[in-house]
Structure formats: structure tokens, C-alpha cells
Amino acid sequence: MRPLVVISIAAFVVAMLAMFLVKHEVRGLERELASLELDRQRHVEAIRVLRSEWSYLTRPARIADLAARHLSLEPVQATQVKWLPRSPSRPTLLLTPTAAELER
């Protein structure tokens, strides 16, 4: 009966040690999870702020005001528009030559 008691006590000690190690690992993982959740919340808030700033910066009225202050743009006059003749530098439609054209 004595070897059975020693084996039981040893198994109990090993189980307790394993439980302690698992508990310690779980606490470390919980701290890491809490840190990641805090980072996620910070990033979500940063994204919200950036979207708000983007909306403010891209308002059409603001862009029009900036363009009026910094660019010297005027409406296009009819005399500024010219029709260009078809130039050889423009690509033309390529057609497959017929047999008669190839014989020439």
C-alpha cells in the first residue's frame, strides 16, 4: 500500500505544478490580450480622428477657397480651344492587309 500512496502524492504534486504553470501562462496571455485591446481602441480612435480631419480638409468650399487664393485660374475662353489636325504621331487603326495588298 505504501508505493500506491507515494505514487499518488507524486502525481498530486506534478498536477499542482502543472496547474501553477498553466495559471501563470494564462495570466501572461490575459495581460497581453488586455494590452492588445487597449492598442486596438487607440487605433480605432486615431482612425476616427483621421477620418474627421479628412472630411474637414476635403470640403469643397475649403478647396475652392484655397484654389482661389493660391491659383490664378480663370475660366477657359473660346479662343483658347483649338482643334488639332490628325497627326502621324497619333496611333491609327491597324488593319490586316488583304492578299491583293500583300502581292504588290
PDB file of N, CA and C in Angstrom:
ATOM      1  N   MET A   1       0.811  -1.182   0.000  1.00  0.00           N
ATOM      2  CA  MET A   1       0.000   0.000   0.000  1.00  0.00           C
ATOM      3  C   MET A   1       0.871   1.270   0.000  1.00  0.00           C
ATOM      4  N   ARG A   2       2.040   1.182   0.563  1.00  0.00           N
ATOM      5  CA  ARG A   2       2.916   2.331   0.632  1.00  0.00           C
ATOM      6  C   ARG A   2       3.315   2.850  -0.763  1.00  0.00           C
ATOM      7  N   PRO A   3       3.682   2.026  -1.767  1.00  0.00           N
ATOM      8  CA  PRO A   3       4.048   2.558  -3.095  1.00  0.00           C
ATOM      9  C   PRO A   3       2.871   3.292  -3.752  1.00  0.00           C
ATOM     10  N   LEU A   4       1.656   2.841  -3.503  1.00  0.00           N
ATOM     11  CA  LEU A   4       0.487   3.499  -4.067  1.00  0.00           C
ATOM     12  C   LEU A   4       0.322   4.908  -3.482  1.00  0.00           C
ATOM     13  N   VAL A   5       0.598   5.084  -2.210  1.00  0.00           N
ATOM     14  CA  VAL A   5       0.495   6.383  -1.556  1.00  0.00           C
ATOM     15  C   VAL A   5       1.577   7.323  -2.095  1.00  0.00           C
ATOM     16  N   VAL A   6       2.800   6.828  -2.258  1.00  0.00           N
ATOM     17  CA  VAL A   6       3.908   7.648  -2.767  1.00  0.00           C
ATOM     18  C   VAL A   6       3.614   8.078  -4.211  1.00  0.00           C
ATOM     19  N   ILE A   7       3.117   7.164  -5.041  1.00  0.00           N
ATOM     20  CA  ILE A   7       2.776   7.489  -6.436  1.00  0.00           C
ATOM     21  C   ILE A   7       1.643   8.502  -6.472  1.00  0.00           C
ATOM     22  N   SER A   8       0.655   8.364  -5.630  1.00  0.00           N
ATOM     23  CA  SER A   8      -0.468   9.311  -5.579  1.00  0.00           C
ATOM     24  C   SER A   8       0.005  10.703  -5.173  1.00  0.00           C
ATOM     25  N   ILE A   9       0.883  10.755  -4.146  1.00  0.00           N
ATOM     26  CA  ILE A   9       1.400  12.058  -3.709  1.00  0.00           C
ATOM     27  C   ILE A   9       2.242  12.682  -4.820  1.00  0.00           C
ATOM     28  N   ALA A  10       3.055  11.905  -5.492  1.00  0.00           N
ATOM     29  CA  ALA A  10       3.886  12.415  -6.582  1.00  0.00           C
ATOM     30  C   ALA A  10       2.999  12.914  -7.731  1.00  0.00           C
ATOM     31  N   ALA A  11       1.965  12.176  -8.055  1.00  0.00           N
ATOM     32  CA  ALA A  11       1.041  12.594  -9.113  1.00  0.00           C
ATOM     33  C   ALA A  11       0.335  13.883  -8.711  1.00  0.00           C
ATOM     34  N   PHE A  12      -0.023  13.995  -7.435  1.00  0.00           N
ATOM     35  CA  PHE A  12      -0.679  15.201  -6.946  1.00  0.00           C
ATOM     36  C   PHE A  12       0.267  16.411  -7.054  1.00  0.00           C
ATOM     37  N   VAL A  13       1.514  16.240  -6.668  1.00  0.00           N
ATOM     38  CA  VAL A  13       2.499  17.324  -6.733  1.00  0.00           C
ATOM     39  C   VAL A  13       2.737  17.731  -8.184  1.00  0.00           C
ATOM     40  N   VAL A  14       2.852  16.761  -9.104  1.00  0.00           N
ATOM     41  CA  VAL A  14       3.059  17.063 -10.526  1.00  0.00           C
ATOM     42  C   VAL A  14       1.837  17.795 -11.081  1.00  0.00           C
ATOM     43  N   ALA A  15       0.634  17.362 -10.709  1.00  0.00           N
ATOM     44  CA  ALA A  15      -0.585  18.020 -11.177  1.00  0.00           C
ATOM     45  C   ALA A  15      -0.655  19.451 -10.650  1.00  0.00           C
ATOM     46  N   MET A  16      -0.283  19.665  -9.399  1.00  0.00           N
ATOM     47  CA  MET A  16      -0.308  21.012  -8.826  1.00  0.00           C
ATOM     48  C   MET A  16       0.721  21.916  -9.526  1.00  0.00           C
ATOM     49  N   LEU A  17       1.908  21.371  -9.805  1.00  0.00           N
ATOM     50  CA  LEU A  17       2.929  22.132 -10.515  1.00  0.00           C
ATOM     51  C   LEU A  17       2.451  22.497 -11.925  1.00  0.00           C
ATOM     52  N   ALA A  18       1.826  21.546 -12.602  1.00  0.00           N
ATOM     53  CA  ALA A  18       1.293  21.813 -13.945  1.00  0.00           C
ATOM     54  C   ALA A  18       0.202  22.877 -13.877  1.00  0.00           C
ATOM     55  N   MET A  19      -0.667  22.809 -12.893  1.00  0.00           N
ATOM     56  CA  MET A  19      -1.723  23.806 -12.728  1.00  0.00           C
ATOM     57  C   MET A  19      -1.118  25.193 -12.478  1.00  0.00           C
ATOM     58  N   PHE A  20      -0.066  25.269 -11.666  1.00  0.00           N
ATOM     59  CA  PHE A  20       0.581  26.549 -11.394  1.00  0.00           C
ATOM     60  C   PHE A  20       1.174  27.133 -12.675  1.00  0.00           C
ATOM     61  N   LEU A  21       1.857  26.305 -13.465  1.00  0.00           N
ATOM     62  CA  LEU A  21       2.460  26.780 -14.703  1.00  0.00           C
ATOM     63  C   LEU A  21       1.398  27.247 -15.700  1.00  0.00           C
ATOM     64  N   VAL A  22       0.290  26.497 -15.800  1.00  0.00           N
ATOM     65  CA  VAL A  22      -0.788  26.884 -16.711  1.00  0.00           C
ATOM     66  C   VAL A  22      -1.423  28.188 -16.243  1.00  0.00           C
ATOM     67  N   LYS A  23      -1.625  28.325 -14.932  1.00  0.00           N
ATOM     68  CA  LYS A  23      -2.210  29.549 -14.389  1.00  0.00           C
ATOM     69  C   LYS A  23      -1.310  30.742 -14.691  1.00  0.00           C
ATOM     70  N   HIS A  24       0.008  30.571 -14.504  1.00  0.00           N
ATOM     71  CA  HIS A  24       0.951  31.644 -14.776  1.00  0.00           C
ATOM     72  C   HIS A  24       0.931  32.022 -16.259  1.00  0.00           C
ATOM     73  N   GLU A  25       0.881  31.052 -17.145  1.00  0.00           N
ATOM     74  CA  GLU A  25       0.830  31.316 -18.583  1.00  0.00           C
ATOM     75  C   GLU A  25      -0.473  32.013 -18.979  1.00  0.00           C
ATOM     76  N   VAL A  26      -1.586  31.596 -18.396  1.00  0.00           N
ATOM     77  CA  VAL A  26      -2.872  32.216 -18.696  1.00  0.00           C
ATOM     78  C   VAL A  26      -2.876  33.674 -18.244  1.00  0.00           C
ATOM     79  N   ARG A  27      -2.323  33.974 -17.100  1.00  0.00           N
ATOM     80  CA  ARG A  27      -2.264  35.361 -16.634  1.00  0.00           C
ATOM     81  C   ARG A  27      -1.420  36.219 -17.588  1.00  0.00           C
ATOM     82  N   GLY A  28      -0.316  35.673 -18.068  1.00  0.00           N
ATOM     83  CA  GLY A  28       0.509  36.403 -19.032  1.00  0.00           C
ATOM     84  C   GLY A  28      -0.246  36.659 -20.332  1.00  0.00           C
ATOM     85  N   LEU A  29      -0.983  35.664 -20.792  1.00  0.00           N
ATOM     86  CA  LEU A  29      -1.776  35.832 -22.003  1.00  0.00           C
ATOM     87  C   LEU A  29      -2.909  36.833 -21.800  1.00  0.00           C
ATOM     88  N   GLU A  30      -3.501  36.848 -20.603  1.00  0.00           N
ATOM     89  CA  GLU A  30      -4.556  37.820 -20.316  1.00  0.00           C
ATOM     90  C   GLU A  30      -4.002  39.242 -20.326  1.00  0.00           C
ATOM     91  N   ARG A  31      -2.796  39.428 -19.760  1.00  0.00           N
ATOM     92  CA  ARG A  31      -2.164  40.759 -19.794  1.00  0.00           C
ATOM     93  C   ARG A  31      -1.872  41.176 -21.237  1.00  0.00           C
ATOM     94  N   GLU A  32      -1.383  40.244 -22.033  1.00  0.00           N
ATOM     95  CA  GLU A  32      -1.109  40.546 -23.446  1.00  0.00           C
ATOM     96  C   GLU A  32      -2.397  40.895 -24.188  1.00  0.00           C
ATOM     97  N   LEU A  33      -3.457  40.165 -23.918  1.00  0.00           N
ATOM     98  CA  LEU A  33      -4.750  40.438 -24.551  1.00  0.00           C
ATOM     99  C   LEU A  33      -5.267  41.820 -24.161  1.00  0.00           C
ATOM    100  N   ALA A  34      -5.140  42.169 -22.888  1.00  0.00           N
ATOM    101  CA  ALA A  34      -5.584  43.493 -22.432  1.00  0.00           C
ATOM    102  C   ALA A  34      -4.768  44.594 -23.115  1.00  0.00           C
ATOM    103  N   SER A  35      -3.470  44.373 -23.259  1.00  0.00           N
ATOM    104  CA  SER A  35      -2.621  45.356 -23.937  1.00  0.00           C
ATOM    105  C   SER A  35      -3.018  45.490 -25.404  1.00  0.00           C
ATOM    106  N   LEU A  36      -3.276  44.379 -26.076  1.00  0.00           N
ATOM    107  CA  LEU A  36      -3.687  44.428 -27.482  1.00  0.00           C
ATOM    108  C   LEU A  36      -5.046  45.114 -27.644  1.00  0.00           C
ATOM    109  N   GLU A  37      -5.939  44.869 -26.713  1.00  0.00           N
ATOM    110  CA  GLU A  37      -7.257  45.506 -26.780  1.00  0.00           C
ATOM    111  C   GLU A  37      -7.123  47.020 -26.586  1.00  0.00           C
ATOM    112  N   LEU A  38      -6.252  47.437 -25.694  1.00  0.00           N
ATOM    113  CA  LEU A  38      -6.010  48.869 -25.494  1.00  0.00           C
ATOM    114  C   LEU A  38      -5.413  49.493 -26.758  1.00  0.00           C
ATOM    115  N   ASP A  39      -4.460  48.803 -27.384  1.00  0.00           N
ATOM    116  CA  ASP A  39      -3.891  49.296 -28.646  1.00  0.00           C
ATOM    117  C   ASP A  39      -4.959  49.391 -29.725  1.00  0.00           C
ATOM    118  N   ARG A  40      -5.832  48.405 -29.790  1.00  0.00           N
ATOM    119  CA  ARG A  40      -6.897  48.410 -30.787  1.00  0.00           C
ATOM    120  C   ARG A  40      -7.819  49.612 -30.575  1.00  0.00           C
ATOM    121  N   GLN A  41      -8.169  49.857 -29.326  1.00  0.00           N
ATOM    122  CA  GLN A  41      -9.026  51.005 -29.030  1.00  0.00           C
ATOM    123  C   GLN A  41      -8.352  52.322 -29.403  1.00  0.00           C
ATOM    124  N   ARG A  42      -7.050  52.422 -29.156  1.00  0.00           N
ATOM    125  CA  ARG A  42      -6.311  53.633 -29.535  1.00  0.00           C
ATOM    126  C   ARG A  42      -6.302  53.810 -31.053  1.00  0.00           C
ATOM    127  N   HIS A  43      -6.101  52.713 -31.777  1.00  0.00           N
ATOM    128  CA  HIS A  43      -6.085  52.798 -33.235  1.00  0.00           C
ATOM    129  C   HIS A  43      -7.459  53.158 -33.792  1.00  0.00           C
ATOM    130  N   VAL A  44      -8.502  52.612 -33.213  1.00  0.00           N
ATOM    131  CA  VAL A  44      -9.855  52.945 -33.657  1.00  0.00           C
ATOM    132  C   VAL A  44     -10.118  54.436 -33.449  1.00  0.00           C
ATOM    133  N   GLU A  45      -9.695  54.954 -32.315  1.00  0.00           N
ATOM    134  CA  GLU A  45      -9.869  56.382 -32.041  1.00  0.00           C
ATOM    135  C   GLU A  45      -9.041  57.231 -33.007  1.00  0.00           C
ATOM    136  N   ALA A  46      -7.818  56.791 -33.287  1.00  0.00           N
ATOM    137  CA  ALA A  46      -6.969  57.528 -34.222  1.00  0.00           C
ATOM    138  C   ALA A  46      -7.585  57.539 -35.619  1.00  0.00           C
ATOM    139  N   ILE A  47      -8.143  56.419 -36.032  1.00  0.00           N
ATOM    140  CA  ILE A  47      -8.801  56.339 -37.343  1.00  0.00           C
ATOM    141  C   ILE A  47     -10.007  57.276 -37.382  1.00  0.00           C
ATOM    142  N   ARG A  48     -10.760  57.324 -36.290  1.00  0.00           N
ATOM    143  CA  ARG A  48     -11.919  58.217 -36.231  1.00  0.00           C
ATOM    144  C   ARG A  48     -11.480  59.673 -36.360  1.00  0.00           C
ATOM    145  N   VAL A  49     -10.404  60.041 -35.680  1.00  0.00           N
ATOM    146  CA  VAL A  49      -9.897  61.411 -35.752  1.00  0.00           C
ATOM    147  C   VAL A  49      -9.397  61.715 -37.162  1.00  0.00           C
ATOM    148  N   LEU A  50      -8.672  60.786 -37.761  1.00  0.00           N
ATOM    149  CA  LEU A  50      -8.152  60.999 -39.114  1.00  0.00           C
ATOM    150  C   LEU A  50      -9.276  61.143 -40.138  1.00  0.00           C
ATOM    151  N   ARG A  51     -10.319  60.342 -39.991  1.00  0.00           N
ATOM    152  CA  ARG A  51     -11.460  60.471 -40.907  1.00  0.00           C
ATOM    153  C   ARG A  51     -12.135  61.828 -40.747  1.00  0.00           C
ATOM    154  N   SER A  52     -12.244  62.281 -39.510  1.00  0.00           N
ATOM    155  CA  SER A  52     -12.836  63.592 -39.265  1.00  0.00           C
ATOM    156  C   SER A  52     -11.977  64.694 -39.888  1.00  0.00           C
ATOM    157  N   GLU A  53     -10.666  64.610 -39.713  1.00  0.00           N
ATOM    158  CA  GLU A  53      -9.776  65.604 -40.317  1.00  0.00           C
ATOM    159  C   GLU A  53      -9.850  65.561 -41.839  1.00  0.00           C
ATOM    160  N   TRP A  54      -9.907  64.353 -42.394  1.00  0.00           N
ATOM    161  CA  TRP A  54     -10.004  64.221 -43.855  1.00  0.00           C
ATOM    162  C   TRP A  54     -11.288  64.866 -44.361  1.00  0.00           C
ATOM    163  N   SER A  55     -12.382  64.653 -43.662  1.00  0.00           N
ATOM    164  CA  SER A  55     -13.645  65.260 -44.063  1.00  0.00           C
ATOM    165  C   SER A  55     -13.550  66.785 -44.022  1.00  0.00           C
ATOM    166  N   TYR A  56     -12.885  67.299 -43.002  1.00  0.00           N
ATOM    167  CA  TYR A  56     -12.722  68.750 -42.895  1.00  0.00           C
ATOM    168  C   TYR A  56     -11.832  69.282 -44.021  1.00  0.00           C
ATOM    169  N   LEU A  57     -10.726  68.605 -44.273  1.00  0.00           N
ATOM    170  CA  LEU A  57      -9.768  69.100 -45.268  1.00  0.00           C
ATOM    171  C   LEU A  57     -10.268  68.981 -46.704  1.00  0.00           C
ATOM    172  N   THR A  58     -11.159  68.060 -46.968  1.00  0.00           N
ATOM    173  CA  THR A  58     -11.618  67.854 -48.348  1.00  0.00           C
ATOM    174  C   THR A  58     -12.989  68.463 -48.617  1.00  0.00           C
ATOM    175  N   ARG A  59     -13.426  69.385 -47.765  1.00  0.00           N
ATOM    176  CA  ARG A  59     -14.688  70.068 -48.026  1.00  0.00           C
ATOM    177  C   ARG A  59     -14.569  70.874 -49.313  1.00  0.00           C
ATOM    178  N   PRO A  60     -15.544  70.772 -50.224  1.00  0.00           N
ATOM    179  CA  PRO A  60     -15.464  71.511 -51.493  1.00  0.00           C
ATOM    180  C   PRO A  60     -15.318  73.017 -51.305  1.00  0.00           C
ATOM    181  N   ALA A  61     -15.989  73.591 -50.314  1.00  0.00           N
ATOM    182  CA  ALA A  61     -15.889  75.038 -50.090  1.00  0.00           C
ATOM    183  C   ALA A  61     -14.469  75.419 -49.699  1.00  0.00           C
ATOM    184  N   ARG A  62     -13.833  74.611 -48.857  1.00  0.00           N
ATOM    185  CA  ARG A  62     -12.459  74.893 -48.430  1.00  0.00           C
ATOM    186  C   ARG A  62     -11.507  74.774 -49.612  1.00  0.00           C
ATOM    187  N   ILE A  63     -11.669  73.733 -50.423  1.00  0.00           N
ATOM    188  CA  ILE A  63     -10.790  73.551 -51.579  1.00  0.00           C
ATOM    189  C   ILE A  63     -10.978  74.690 -52.573  1.00  0.00           C
ATOM    190  N   ALA A  64     -12.203  75.129 -52.787  1.00  0.00           N
ATOM    191  CA  ALA A  64     -12.457  76.248 -53.694  1.00  0.00           C
ATOM    192  C   ALA A  64     -11.796  77.516 -53.166  1.00  0.00           C
ATOM    193  N   ASP A  65     -11.858  77.736 -51.867  1.00  0.00           N
ATOM    194  CA  ASP A  65     -11.230  78.913 -51.270  1.00  0.00           C
ATOM    195  C   ASP A  65      -9.709  78.853 -51.436  1.00  0.00           C
ATOM    196  N   LEU A  66      -9.119  77.693 -51.190  1.00  0.00           N
ATOM    197  CA  LEU A  66      -7.677  77.544 -51.362  1.00  0.00           C
ATOM    198  C   LEU A  66      -7.265  77.744 -52.815  1.00  0.00           C
ATOM    199  N   ALA A  67      -8.053  77.205 -53.733  1.00  0.00           N
ATOM    200  CA  ALA A  67      -7.752  77.365 -55.156  1.00  0.00           C
ATOM    201  C   ALA A  67      -7.831  78.839 -55.551  1.00  0.00           C
ATOM    202  N   ALA A  68      -8.814  79.551 -55.040  1.00  0.00           N
ATOM    203  CA  ALA A  68      -8.956  80.967 -55.366  1.00  0.00           C
ATOM    204  C   ALA A  68      -7.794  81.784 -54.801  1.00  0.00           C
ATOM    205  N   ARG A  69      -7.303  81.425 -53.625  1.00  0.00           N
ATOM    206  CA  ARG A  69      -6.216  82.171 -53.009  1.00  0.00           C
ATOM    207  C   ARG A  69      -4.854  81.862 -53.616  1.00  0.00           C
ATOM    208  N   HIS A  70      -4.612  80.597 -53.980  1.00  0.00           N
ATOM    209  CA  HIS A  70      -3.267  80.186 -54.364  1.00  0.00           C
ATOM    210  C   HIS A  70      -3.082  79.915 -55.854  1.00  0.00           C
ATOM    211  N   LEU A  71      -4.141  79.784 -56.592  1.00  0.00           N
ATOM    212  CA  LEU A  71      -4.031  79.515 -58.022  1.00  0.00           C
ATOM    213  C   LEU A  71      -4.631  80.684 -58.786  1.00  0.00           C
ATOM    214  N   SER A  72      -3.985  81.034 -59.852  1.00  0.00           N
ATOM    215  CA  SER A  72      -4.529  82.126 -60.663  1.00  0.00           C
ATOM    216  C   SER A  72      -5.285  81.522 -61.847  1.00  0.00           C
ATOM    217  N   LEU A  73      -6.350  80.859 -61.566  1.00  0.00           N
ATOM    218  CA  LEU A  73      -7.144  80.203 -62.597  1.00  0.00           C
ATOM    219  C   LEU A  73      -8.257  81.128 -63.065  1.00  0.00           C
ATOM    220  N   GLU A  74      -8.497  81.081 -64.354  1.00  0.00           N
ATOM    221  CA  GLU A  74      -9.589  81.840 -64.939  1.00  0.00           C
ATOM    222  C   GLU A  74     -10.399  80.900 -65.811  1.00  0.00           C
ATOM    223  N   PRO A  75     -11.638  81.273 -66.115  1.00  0.00           N
ATOM    224  CA  PRO A  75     -12.429  80.412 -66.992  1.00  0.00           C
ATOM    225  C   PRO A  75     -11.779  80.312 -68.367  1.00  0.00           C
ATOM    226  N   VAL A  76     -11.961  79.175 -69.003  1.00  0.00           N
ATOM    227  CA  VAL A  76     -11.402  78.940 -70.334  1.00  0.00           C
ATOM    228  C   VAL A  76     -12.190  79.765 -71.347  1.00  0.00           C
ATOM    229  N   GLN A  77     -11.459  80.485 -72.181  1.00  0.00           N
ATOM    230  CA  GLN A  77     -12.072  81.276 -73.242  1.00  0.00           C
ATOM    231  C   GLN A  77     -12.184  80.420 -74.504  1.00  0.00           C
ATOM    232  N   ALA A  78     -13.129  80.751 -75.334  1.00  0.00           N
ATOM    233  CA  ALA A  78     -13.320  80.002 -76.572  1.00  0.00           C
ATOM    234  C   ALA A  78     -12.114  80.107 -77.488  1.00  0.00           C
ATOM    235  N   THR A  79     -11.376  81.183 -77.403  1.00  0.00           N
ATOM    236  CA  THR A  79     -10.196  81.363 -78.261  1.00  0.00           C
ATOM    237  C   THR A  79      -9.035  80.474 -77.830  1.00  0.00           C
ATOM    238  N   GLN A  80      -9.113  79.922 -76.648  1.00  0.00           N
ATOM    239  CA  GLN A  80      -8.046  79.057 -76.162  1.00  0.00           C
ATOM    240  C   GLN A  80      -8.191  77.622 -76.647  1.00  0.00           C
ATOM    241  N   VAL A  81      -9.335  77.257 -77.150  1.00  0.00           N
ATOM    242  CA  VAL A  81      -9.592  75.876 -77.583  1.00  0.00           C
ATOM    243  C   VAL A  81      -9.241  75.782 -79.057  1.00  0.00           C
ATOM    244  N   LYS A  82      -8.410  74.829 -79.409  1.00  0.00           N
ATOM    245  CA  LYS A  82      -8.012  74.634 -80.804  1.00  0.00           C
ATOM    246  C   LYS A  82      -8.219  73.173 -81.162  1.00  0.00           C
ATOM    247  N   TRP A  83      -8.591  72.946 -82.399  1.00  0.00           N
ATOM    248  CA  TRP A  83      -8.725  71.591 -82.900  1.00  0.00           C
ATOM    249  C   TRP A  83      -7.433  71.233 -83.598  1.00  0.00           C
ATOM    250  N   LEU A  84      -6.835  70.165 -83.197  1.00  0.00           N
ATOM    251  CA  LEU A  84      -5.585  69.742 -83.792  1.00  0.00           C
ATOM    252  C   LEU A  84      -5.863  68.828 -84.976  1.00  0.00           C
ATOM    253  N   PRO A  85      -5.141  69.008 -86.068  1.00  0.00           N
ATOM    254  CA  PRO A  85      -5.317  68.082 -87.183  1.00  0.00           C
ATOM    255  C   PRO A  85      -4.754  66.717 -86.809  1.00  0.00           C
ATOM    256  N   ARG A  86      -5.211  65.730 -87.500  1.00  0.00           N
ATOM    257  CA  ARG A  86      -4.752  64.367 -87.221  1.00  0.00           C
ATOM    258  C   ARG A  86      -3.265  64.296 -87.559  1.00  0.00           C
ATOM    259  N   SER A  87      -2.457  63.997 -86.605  1.00  0.00           N
ATOM    260  CA  SER A  87      -1.013  63.979 -86.823  1.00  0.00           C
ATOM    261  C   SER A  87      -0.531  62.538 -86.910  1.00  0.00           C
ATOM    262  N   PRO A  88       0.612  62.317 -87.591  1.00  0.00           N
ATOM    263  CA  PRO A  88       1.122  60.957 -87.725  1.00  0.00           C
ATOM    264  C   PRO A  88       1.573  60.364 -86.398  1.00  0.00           C
ATOM    265  N   SER A  89       1.791  61.193 -85.408  1.00  0.00           N
ATOM    266  CA  SER A  89       2.217  60.658 -84.120  1.00  0.00           C
ATOM    267  C   SER A  89       1.073  59.973 -83.378  1.00  0.00           C
ATOM    268  N   ARG A  90      -0.156  60.268 -83.792  1.00  0.00           N
ATOM    269  CA  ARG A  90      -1.293  59.613 -83.156  1.00  0.00           C
ATOM    270  C   ARG A  90      -1.432  58.198 -83.694  1.00  0.00           C
ATOM    271  N   PRO A  91      -1.726  57.253 -82.855  1.00  0.00           N
ATOM    272  CA  PRO A  91      -1.909  55.889 -83.360  1.00  0.00           C
ATOM    273  C   PRO A  91      -3.165  55.810 -84.227  1.00  0.00           C
ATOM    274  N   THR A  92      -3.056  55.080 -85.285  1.00  0.00           N
ATOM    275  CA  THR A  92      -4.194  54.880 -86.177  1.00  0.00           C
ATOM    276  C   THR A  92      -4.645  53.446 -86.068  1.00  0.00           C
ATOM    277  N   LEU A  93      -5.816  53.196 -86.559  1.00  0.00           N
ATOM    278  CA  LEU A  93      -6.379  51.855 -86.528  1.00  0.00           C
ATOM    279  C   LEU A  93      -5.584  50.966 -87.475  1.00  0.00           C
ATOM    280  N   LEU A  94      -5.083  49.886 -86.960  1.00  0.00           N
ATOM    281  CA  LEU A  94      -4.304  48.972 -87.788  1.00  0.00           C
ATOM    282  C   LEU A  94      -5.235  47.929 -88.382  1.00  0.00           C
ATOM    283  N   LEU A  95      -5.158  47.774 -89.700  1.00  0.00           N
ATOM    284  CA  LEU A  95      -5.972  46.787 -90.387  1.00  0.00           C
ATOM    285  C   LEU A  95      -5.075  45.695 -90.929  1.00  0.00           C
ATOM    286  N   THR A  96      -5.582  44.485 -90.968  1.00  0.00           N
ATOM    287  CA  THR A  96      -4.831  43.386 -91.548  1.00  0.00           C
ATOM    288  C   THR A  96      -4.861  43.543 -93.068  1.00  0.00           C
ATOM    289  N   PRO A  97      -3.708  43.517 -93.741  1.00  0.00           N
ATOM    290  CA  PRO A  97      -3.699  43.679 -95.176  1.00  0.00           C
ATOM    291  C   PRO A  97      -4.349  42.486 -95.868  1.00  0.00           C
ATOM    292  N   THR A  98      -4.981  42.790 -97.003  1.00  0.00           N
ATOM    293  CA  THR A  98      -5.615  41.720 -97.784  1.00  0.00           C
ATOM    294  C   THR A  98      -4.547  41.040 -98.621  1.00  0.00           C
ATOM    295  N   ALA A  99      -4.896  39.933 -99.232  1.00  0.00           N
ATOM    296  CA  ALA A  99      -3.958  39.180-100.060  1.00  0.00           C
ATOM    297  C   ALA A  99      -3.511  40.012-101.256  1.00  0.00           C
ATOM    298  N   ALA A 100      -4.417  40.810-101.852  1.00  0.00           N
ATOM    299  CA  ALA A 100      -4.057  41.648-103.003  1.00  0.00           C
ATOM    300  C   ALA A 100      -3.019  42.706-102.586  1.00  0.00           C
ATOM    301  N   GLU A 101      -3.151  43.266-101.405  1.00  0.00           N
ATOM    302  CA  GLU A 101      -2.205  44.267-100.950  1.00  0.00           C
ATOM    303  C   GLU A 101      -0.834  43.649-100.660  1.00  0.00           C
ATOM    304  N   LEU A 102      -0.823  42.408-100.213  1.00  0.00           N
ATOM    305  CA  LEU A 102       0.424  41.737 -99.919  1.00  0.00           C
ATOM    306  C   LEU A 102       1.197  41.401-101.204  1.00  0.00           C
ATOM    307  N   GLU A 103       0.482  41.161-102.311  1.00  0.00           N
ATOM    308  CA  GLU A 103       1.131  40.789-103.566  1.00  0.00           C
ATOM    309  C   GLU A 103       1.845  41.980-104.188  1.00  0.00           C
ATOM    310  N   ARG A 104       1.474  43.182-103.914  1.00  0.00           N
ATOM    311  CA  ARG A 104       2.100  44.360-104.511  1.00  0.00           C
ATOM    312  C   ARG A 104       3.513  44.536-104.144  1.00  0.00           C
TER     313      ARG A 104
END
